[in-house]
Amino acid sequence: MKSFGMFTENGSYMVGRIAAAGEKMAQFDGAENAWRWAQRELSKLATADEFGEATDTAVREEVYDVVIRAAGENCNFYL
């Protein structure tokens, strides 16, 4: 299982689900919309004490890479 920069396996699983959904969304809705959605989901996840690192730059960069690769186009990381 990919770690996505999370501290626990459960955290990696949760971020992996967001990345997978963002990957699918990017194929149909474009990189920017999928990346905005993924950022919102990571922010929601980070509100739980055990997943506070979900908005760390390293985690966001890994999810961004998954979304951008699936979309086949670029968008600004800092939306």
PDB file of N, CA and C in Angstrom:
ATOM      1  N   MET A   1       0.841  -1.175   0.000  1.00  0.00           N
ATOM      2  CA  MET A   1       0.000   0.000   0.000  1.00  0.00           C
ATOM      3  C   MET A   1       0.890   1.244   0.000  1.00  0.00           C
ATOM      4  N   LYS A   2       0.554   2.193  -0.834  1.00  0.00           N
ATOM      5  CA  LYS A   2       1.297   3.451  -0.910  1.00  0.00           C
ATOM      6  C   LYS A   2       1.022   4.269   0.358  1.00  0.00           C
ATOM      7  N   SER A   3       2.035   4.936   0.883  1.00  0.00           N
ATOM      8  CA  SER A   3       1.867   5.653   2.160  1.00  0.00           C
ATOM      9  C   SER A   3       1.302   7.056   1.995  1.00  0.00           C
ATOM     10  N   PHE A   4       1.496   7.688   0.859  1.00  0.00           N
ATOM     11  CA  PHE A   4       1.037   9.058   0.613  1.00  0.00           C
ATOM     12  C   PHE A   4       1.572  10.038   1.660  1.00  0.00           C
ATOM     13  N   GLY A   5       2.613   9.666   2.371  1.00  0.00           N
ATOM     14  CA  GLY A   5       3.187  10.556   3.377  1.00  0.00           C
ATOM     15  C   GLY A   5       2.428  10.568   4.690  1.00  0.00           C
ATOM     16  N   MET A   6       1.471   9.671   4.852  1.00  0.00           N
ATOM     17  CA  MET A   6       0.701   9.607   6.088  1.00  0.00           C
ATOM     18  C   MET A   6       1.475   8.802   7.131  1.00  0.00           C
ATOM     19  N   PHE A   7       1.133   8.980   8.396  1.00  0.00           N
ATOM     20  CA  PHE A   7       1.867   8.357   9.486  1.00  0.00           C
ATOM     21  C   PHE A   7       1.381   6.955   9.824  1.00  0.00           C
ATOM     22  N   THR A   8       0.162   6.606   9.401  1.00  0.00           N
ATOM     23  CA  THR A   8      -0.395   5.300   9.728  1.00  0.00           C
ATOM     24  C   THR A   8      -0.936   4.618   8.476  1.00  0.00           C
ATOM     25  N   GLU A   9      -1.113   3.306   8.578  1.00  0.00           N
ATOM     26  CA  GLU A   9      -1.706   2.557   7.471  1.00  0.00           C
ATOM     27  C   GLU A   9      -3.145   3.005   7.229  1.00  0.00           C
ATOM     28  N   ASN A  10      -3.872   3.265   8.289  1.00  0.00           N
ATOM     29  CA  ASN A  10      -5.249   3.717   8.150  1.00  0.00           C
ATOM     30  C   ASN A  10      -5.296   5.082   7.447  1.00  0.00           C
ATOM     31  N   GLY A  11      -4.375   5.956   7.787  1.00  0.00           N
ATOM     32  CA  GLY A  11      -4.294   7.253   7.123  1.00  0.00           C
ATOM     33  C   GLY A  11      -3.964   7.109   5.645  1.00  0.00           C
ATOM     34  N   SER A  12      -3.053   6.209   5.341  1.00  0.00           N
ATOM     35  CA  SER A  12      -2.693   5.955   3.948  1.00  0.00           C
ATOM     36  C   SER A  12      -3.883   5.400   3.176  1.00  0.00           C
ATOM     37  N   TYR A  13      -4.643   4.532   3.822  1.00  0.00           N
ATOM     38  CA  TYR A  13      -5.837   3.967   3.195  1.00  0.00           C
ATOM     39  C   TYR A  13      -6.847   5.073   2.879  1.00  0.00           C
ATOM     40  N   MET A  14      -7.088   5.944   3.841  1.00  0.00           N
ATOM     41  CA  MET A  14      -8.073   7.017   3.647  1.00  0.00           C
ATOM     42  C   MET A  14      -7.634   7.977   2.536  1.00  0.00           C
ATOM     43  N   VAL A  15      -6.376   8.367   2.534  1.00  0.00           N
ATOM     44  CA  VAL A  15      -5.875   9.262   1.488  1.00  0.00           C
ATOM     45  C   VAL A  15      -5.862   8.531   0.151  1.00  0.00           C
ATOM     46  N   GLY A  16      -5.560   7.256   0.162  1.00  0.00           N
ATOM     47  CA  GLY A  16      -5.598   6.462  -1.067  1.00  0.00           C
ATOM     48  C   GLY A  16      -6.972   6.449  -1.700  1.00  0.00           C
ATOM     49  N   ARG A  17      -7.994   6.405  -0.877  1.00  0.00           N
ATOM     50  CA  ARG A  17      -9.376   6.453  -1.394  1.00  0.00           C
ATOM     51  C   ARG A  17      -9.653   7.802  -2.065  1.00  0.00           C
ATOM     52  N   ILE A  18      -9.186   8.874  -1.451  1.00  0.00           N
ATOM     53  CA  ILE A  18      -9.357  10.207  -2.039  1.00  0.00           C
ATOM     54  C   ILE A  18      -8.592  10.285  -3.354  1.00  0.00           C
ATOM     55  N   ALA A  19      -7.367   9.794  -3.367  1.00  0.00           N
ATOM     56  CA  ALA A  19      -6.555   9.826  -4.584  1.00  0.00           C
ATOM     57  C   ALA A  19      -7.209   9.029  -5.703  1.00  0.00           C
ATOM     58  N   ALA A  20      -7.740   7.850  -5.377  1.00  0.00           N
ATOM     59  CA  ALA A  20      -8.379   7.010  -6.392  1.00  0.00           C
ATOM     60  C   ALA A  20      -9.629   7.681  -6.960  1.00  0.00           C
ATOM     61  N   ALA A  21     -10.422   8.290  -6.102  1.00  0.00           N
ATOM     62  CA  ALA A  21     -11.621   8.990  -6.580  1.00  0.00           C
ATOM     63  C   ALA A  21     -11.238  10.208  -7.415  1.00  0.00           C
ATOM     64  N   GLY A  22     -10.208  10.945  -6.980  1.00  0.00           N
ATOM     65  CA  GLY A  22      -9.732  12.094  -7.747  1.00  0.00           C
ATOM     66  C   GLY A  22      -9.179  11.675  -9.097  1.00  0.00           C
ATOM     67  N   GLU A  23      -8.538  10.527  -9.127  1.00  0.00           N
ATOM     68  CA  GLU A  23      -7.990   9.985 -10.369  1.00  0.00           C
ATOM     69  C   GLU A  23      -9.118   9.706 -11.368  1.00  0.00           C
ATOM     70  N   LYS A  24     -10.172   9.074 -10.906  1.00  0.00           N
ATOM     71  CA  LYS A  24     -11.323   8.797 -11.775  1.00  0.00           C
ATOM     72  C   LYS A  24     -11.999  10.084 -12.225  1.00  0.00           C
ATOM     73  N   MET A  25     -12.170  11.008 -11.291  1.00  0.00           N
ATOM     74  CA  MET A  25     -12.810  12.278 -11.610  1.00  0.00           C
ATOM     75  C   MET A  25     -12.010  13.055 -12.649  1.00  0.00           C
ATOM     76  N   ALA A  26     -10.701  13.035 -12.527  1.00  0.00           N
ATOM     77  CA  ALA A  26      -9.836  13.785 -13.436  1.00  0.00           C
ATOM     78  C   ALA A  26      -9.992  13.328 -14.878  1.00  0.00           C
ATOM     79  N   GLN A  27     -10.253  12.057 -15.070  1.00  0.00           N
ATOM     80  CA  GLN A  27     -10.400  11.525 -16.421  1.00  0.00           C
ATOM     81  C   GLN A  27     -11.630  12.095 -17.119  1.00  0.00           C
ATOM     82  N   PHE A  28     -12.646  12.447 -16.356  1.00  0.00           N
ATOM     83  CA  PHE A  28     -13.898  12.910 -16.941  1.00  0.00           C
ATOM     84  C   PHE A  28     -14.153  14.400 -16.741  1.00  0.00           C
ATOM     85  N   ASP A  29     -13.602  14.954 -15.671  1.00  0.00           N
ATOM     86  CA  ASP A  29     -13.933  16.334 -15.309  1.00  0.00           C
ATOM     87  C   ASP A  29     -12.732  17.274 -15.343  1.00  0.00           C
ATOM     88  N   GLY A  30     -11.568  16.771 -15.712  1.00  0.00           N
ATOM     89  CA  GLY A  30     -10.382  17.611 -15.828  1.00  0.00           C
ATOM     90  C   GLY A  30      -9.598  17.730 -14.543  1.00  0.00           C
ATOM     91  N   ALA A  31      -8.361  18.133 -14.704  1.00  0.00           N
ATOM     92  CA  ALA A  31      -7.420  18.205 -13.588  1.00  0.00           C
ATOM     93  C   ALA A  31      -7.830  19.217 -12.532  1.00  0.00           C
ATOM     94  N   GLU A  32      -8.222  20.404 -12.952  1.00  0.00           N
ATOM     95  CA  GLU A  32      -8.515  21.451 -11.966  1.00  0.00           C
ATOM     96  C   GLU A  32      -9.699  21.085 -11.080  1.00  0.00           C
ATOM     97  N   ASN A  33     -10.779  20.620 -11.662  1.00  0.00           N
ATOM     98  CA  ASN A  33     -11.946  20.256 -10.851  1.00  0.00           C
ATOM     99  C   ASN A  33     -11.628  19.091  -9.919  1.00  0.00           C
ATOM    100  N   ALA A  34     -10.913  18.108 -10.420  1.00  0.00           N
ATOM    101  CA  ALA A  34     -10.563  16.956  -9.593  1.00  0.00           C
ATOM    102  C   ALA A  34      -9.609  17.356  -8.472  1.00  0.00           C
ATOM    103  N   TRP A  35      -8.658  18.233  -8.767  1.00  0.00           N
ATOM    104  CA  TRP A  35      -7.706  18.660  -7.747  1.00  0.00           C
ATOM    105  C   TRP A  35      -8.390  19.504  -6.691  1.00  0.00           C
ATOM    106  N   ARG A  36      -9.299  20.387  -7.083  1.00  0.00           N
ATOM    107  CA  ARG A  36     -10.051  21.175  -6.093  1.00  0.00           C
ATOM    108  C   ARG A  36     -10.840  20.248  -5.166  1.00  0.00           C
ATOM    109  N   TRP A  37     -11.496  19.261  -5.763  1.00  0.00           N
ATOM    110  CA  TRP A  37     -12.269  18.313  -4.968  1.00  0.00           C
ATOM    111  C   TRP A  37     -11.358  17.567  -3.996  1.00  0.00           C
ATOM    112  N   ALA A  38     -10.232  17.068  -4.482  1.00  0.00           N
ATOM    113  CA  ALA A  38      -9.308  16.305  -3.637  1.00  0.00           C
ATOM    114  C   ALA A  38      -8.787  17.153  -2.483  1.00  0.00           C
ATOM    115  N   GLN A  39      -8.491  18.407  -2.743  1.00  0.00           N
ATOM    116  CA  GLN A  39      -8.023  19.293  -1.669  1.00  0.00           C
ATOM    117  C   GLN A  39      -9.094  19.470  -0.589  1.00  0.00           C
ATOM    118  N   ARG A  40     -10.346  19.632  -1.022  1.00  0.00           N
ATOM    119  CA  ARG A  40     -11.437  19.759  -0.046  1.00  0.00           C
ATOM    120  C   ARG A  40     -11.558  18.494   0.798  1.00  0.00           C
ATOM    121  N   GLU A  41     -11.449  17.341   0.146  1.00  0.00           N
ATOM    122  CA  GLU A  41     -11.554  16.075   0.874  1.00  0.00           C
ATOM    123  C   GLU A  41     -10.388  15.886   1.845  1.00  0.00           C
ATOM    124  N   LEU A  42      -9.191  16.265   1.442  1.00  0.00           N
ATOM    125  CA  LEU A  42      -8.045  16.170   2.343  1.00  0.00           C
ATOM    126  C   LEU A  42      -8.224  17.096   3.543  1.00  0.00           C
ATOM    127  N   SER A  43      -8.774  18.277   3.304  1.00  0.00           N
ATOM    128  CA  SER A  43      -9.033  19.217   4.405  1.00  0.00           C
ATOM    129  C   SER A  43     -10.051  18.648   5.383  1.00  0.00           C
ATOM    130  N   LYS A  44     -11.090  18.013   4.871  1.00  0.00           N
ATOM    131  CA  LYS A  44     -12.087  17.382   5.746  1.00  0.00           C
ATOM    132  C   LYS A  44     -11.446  16.261   6.556  1.00  0.00           C
ATOM    133  N   LEU A  45     -10.637  15.450   5.892  1.00  0.00           N
ATOM    134  CA  LEU A  45      -9.978  14.338   6.570  1.00  0.00           C
ATOM    135  C   LEU A  45      -9.057  14.848   7.681  1.00  0.00           C
ATOM    136  N   ALA A  46      -8.394  15.949   7.444  1.00  0.00           N
ATOM    137  CA  ALA A  46      -7.432  16.497   8.408  1.00  0.00           C
ATOM    138  C   ALA A  46      -8.100  16.997   9.684  1.00  0.00           C
ATOM    139  N   THR A  47      -9.412  17.164   9.683  1.00  0.00           N
ATOM    140  CA  THR A  47     -10.090  17.620  10.900  1.00  0.00           C
ATOM    141  C   THR A  47     -10.130  16.532  11.965  1.00  0.00           C
ATOM    142  N   ALA A  48      -9.967  15.276  11.562  1.00  0.00           N
ATOM    143  CA  ALA A  48      -9.884  14.183  12.535  1.00  0.00           C
ATOM    144  C   ALA A  48      -8.478  14.157  13.119  1.00  0.00           C
ATOM    145  N   ASP A  49      -8.378  14.065  14.432  1.00  0.00           N
ATOM    146  CA  ASP A  49      -7.078  14.126  15.104  1.00  0.00           C
ATOM    147  C   ASP A  49      -6.058  13.144  14.543  1.00  0.00           C
ATOM    148  N   GLU A  50      -6.486  11.927  14.221  1.00  0.00           N
ATOM    149  CA  GLU A  50      -5.522  10.926  13.768  1.00  0.00           C
ATOM    150  C   GLU A  50      -5.073  11.112  12.325  1.00  0.00           C
ATOM    151  N   PHE A  51      -5.686  12.061  11.604  1.00  0.00           N
ATOM    152  CA  PHE A  51      -5.316  12.307  10.208  1.00  0.00           C
ATOM    153  C   PHE A  51      -4.903  13.760   9.959  1.00  0.00           C
ATOM    154  N   GLY A  52      -4.422  14.426  10.969  1.00  0.00           N
ATOM    155  CA  GLY A  52      -4.072  15.838  10.866  1.00  0.00           C
ATOM    156  C   GLY A  52      -3.053  16.143   9.784  1.00  0.00           C
ATOM    157  N   GLU A  53      -2.215  15.175   9.435  1.00  0.00           N
ATOM    158  CA  GLU A  53      -1.183  15.404   8.420  1.00  0.00           C
ATOM    159  C   GLU A  53      -1.724  15.332   6.995  1.00  0.00           C
ATOM    160  N   ALA A  54      -3.018  15.114   6.830  1.00  0.00           N
ATOM    161  CA  ALA A  54      -3.605  14.977   5.486  1.00  0.00           C
ATOM    162  C   ALA A  54      -3.443  16.233   4.634  1.00  0.00           C
ATOM    163  N   THR A  55      -3.225  17.373   5.262  1.00  0.00           N
ATOM    164  CA  THR A  55      -3.018  18.603   4.485  1.00  0.00           C
ATOM    165  C   THR A  55      -1.550  19.017   4.430  1.00  0.00           C
ATOM    166  N   ASP A  56      -0.660  18.166   4.915  1.00  0.00           N
ATOM    167  CA  ASP A  56       0.773  18.453   4.788  1.00  0.00           C
ATOM    168  C   ASP A  56       1.144  18.506   3.301  1.00  0.00           C
ATOM    169  N   THR A  57       2.113  19.304   2.976  1.00  0.00           N
ATOM    170  CA  THR A  57       2.524  19.476   1.581  1.00  0.00           C
ATOM    171  C   THR A  57       2.912  18.146   0.941  1.00  0.00           C
ATOM    172  N   ALA A  58       3.623  17.299   1.641  1.00  0.00           N
ATOM    173  CA  ALA A  58       4.057  16.014   1.069  1.00  0.00           C
ATOM    174  C   ALA A  58       2.860  15.156   0.676  1.00  0.00           C
ATOM    175  N   VAL A  59       1.837  15.130   1.498  1.00  0.00           N
ATOM    176  CA  VAL A  59       0.634  14.344   1.213  1.00  0.00           C
ATOM    177  C   VAL A  59      -0.086  14.941   0.002  1.00  0.00           C
ATOM    178  N   ARG A  60      -0.273  16.254   0.030  1.00  0.00           N
ATOM    179  CA  ARG A  60      -0.966  16.910  -1.087  1.00  0.00           C
ATOM    180  C   ARG A  60      -0.217  16.724  -2.400  1.00  0.00           C
ATOM    181  N   GLU A  61       1.105  16.784  -2.375  1.00  0.00           N
ATOM    182  CA  GLU A  61       1.887  16.596  -3.604  1.00  0.00           C
ATOM    183  C   GLU A  61       1.683  15.196  -4.186  1.00  0.00           C
ATOM    184  N   GLU A  62       1.616  14.192  -3.321  1.00  0.00           N
ATOM    185  CA  GLU A  62       1.428  12.826  -3.816  1.00  0.00           C
ATOM    186  C   GLU A  62       0.045  12.643  -4.437  1.00  0.00           C
ATOM    187  N   VAL A  63      -0.973  13.205  -3.814  1.00  0.00           N
ATOM    188  CA  VAL A  63      -2.329  13.120  -4.368  1.00  0.00           C
ATOM    189  C   VAL A  63      -2.407  13.919  -5.661  1.00  0.00           C
ATOM    190  N   TYR A  64      -1.800  15.093  -5.676  1.00  0.00           N
ATOM    191  CA  TYR A  64      -1.770  15.927  -6.878  1.00  0.00           C
ATOM    192  C   TYR A  64      -1.166  15.158  -8.049  1.00  0.00           C
ATOM    193  N   ASP A  65      -0.076  14.449  -7.808  1.00  0.00           N
ATOM    194  CA  ASP A  65       0.571  13.668  -8.874  1.00  0.00           C
ATOM    195  C   ASP A  65      -0.374  12.616  -9.454  1.00  0.00           C
ATOM    196  N   VAL A  66      -1.134  11.966  -8.598  1.00  0.00           N
ATOM    197  CA  VAL A  66      -2.089  10.953  -9.065  1.00  0.00           C
ATOM    198  C   VAL A  66      -3.159  11.606  -9.936  1.00  0.00           C
ATOM    199  N   VAL A  67      -3.698  12.723  -9.482  1.00  0.00           N
ATOM    200  CA  VAL A  67      -4.766  13.422 -10.211  1.00  0.00           C
ATOM    201  C   VAL A  67      -4.266  13.938 -11.555  1.00  0.00           C
ATOM    202  N   ILE A  68      -3.112  14.577 -11.566  1.00  0.00           N
ATOM    203  CA  ILE A  68      -2.570  15.165 -12.788  1.00  0.00           C
ATOM    204  C   ILE A  68      -2.228  14.086 -13.813  1.00  0.00           C
ATOM    205  N   ARG A  69      -1.650  13.003 -13.346  1.00  0.00           N
ATOM    206  CA  ARG A  69      -1.300  11.907 -14.251  1.00  0.00           C
ATOM    207  C   ARG A  69      -2.554  11.342 -14.923  1.00  0.00           C
ATOM    208  N   ALA A  70      -3.633  11.211 -14.177  1.00  0.00           N
ATOM    209  CA  ALA A  70      -4.877  10.666 -14.726  1.00  0.00           C
ATOM    210  C   ALA A  70      -5.529  11.621 -15.710  1.00  0.00           C
ATOM    211  N   ALA A  71      -5.424  12.921 -15.435  1.00  0.00           N
ATOM    212  CA  ALA A  71      -6.072  13.916 -16.289  1.00  0.00           C
ATOM    213  C   ALA A  71      -5.324  14.113 -17.594  1.00  0.00           C
ATOM    214  N   GLY A  72      -4.007  13.888 -17.562  1.00  0.00           N
ATOM    215  CA  GLY A  72      -3.211  14.124 -18.758  1.00  0.00           C
ATOM    216  C   GLY A  72      -3.055  15.606 -19.073  1.00  0.00           C
ATOM    217  N   GLU A  73      -3.279  16.428 -18.065  1.00  0.00           N
ATOM    218  CA  GLU A  73      -3.117  17.876 -18.205  1.00  0.00           C
ATOM    219  C   GLU A  73      -2.649  18.442 -16.885  1.00  0.00           C
ATOM    220  N   ASN A  74      -2.156  19.647 -16.899  1.00  0.00           N
ATOM    221  CA  ASN A  74      -1.671  20.292 -15.682  1.00  0.00           C
ATOM    222  C   ASN A  74      -2.672  21.308 -15.157  1.00  0.00           C
ATOM    223  N   CYS A  75      -2.553  21.590 -13.888  1.00  0.00           N
ATOM    224  CA  CYS A  75      -3.263  22.709 -13.279  1.00  0.00           C
ATOM    225  C   CYS A  75      -2.373  23.214 -12.153  1.00  0.00           C
ATOM    226  N   ASN A  76      -2.630  24.399 -11.699  1.00  0.00           N
ATOM    227  CA  ASN A  76      -1.827  25.005 -10.653  1.00  0.00           C
ATOM    228  C   ASN A  76      -2.019  24.231  -9.348  1.00  0.00           C
ATOM    229  N   PHE A  77      -0.919  23.878  -8.690  1.00  0.00           N
ATOM    230  CA  PHE A  77      -0.976  23.172  -7.406  1.00  0.00           C
ATOM    231  C   PHE A  77      -1.653  24.042  -6.352  1.00  0.00           C
ATOM    232  N   TYR A  78      -1.381  25.344  -6.396  1.00  0.00           N
ATOM    233  CA  TYR A  78      -1.925  26.286  -5.418  1.00  0.00           C
ATOM    234  C   TYR A  78      -3.149  26.981  -5.978  1.00  0.00           C
ATOM    235  N   LEU A  79      -4.299  26.327  -5.867  1.00  0.00           N
ATOM    236  CA  LEU A  79      -5.549  26.916  -6.359  1.00  0.00           C
ATOM    237  C   LEU A  79      -6.195  27.759  -5.296  1.00  0.00           C
TER     238      LEU A  79
END
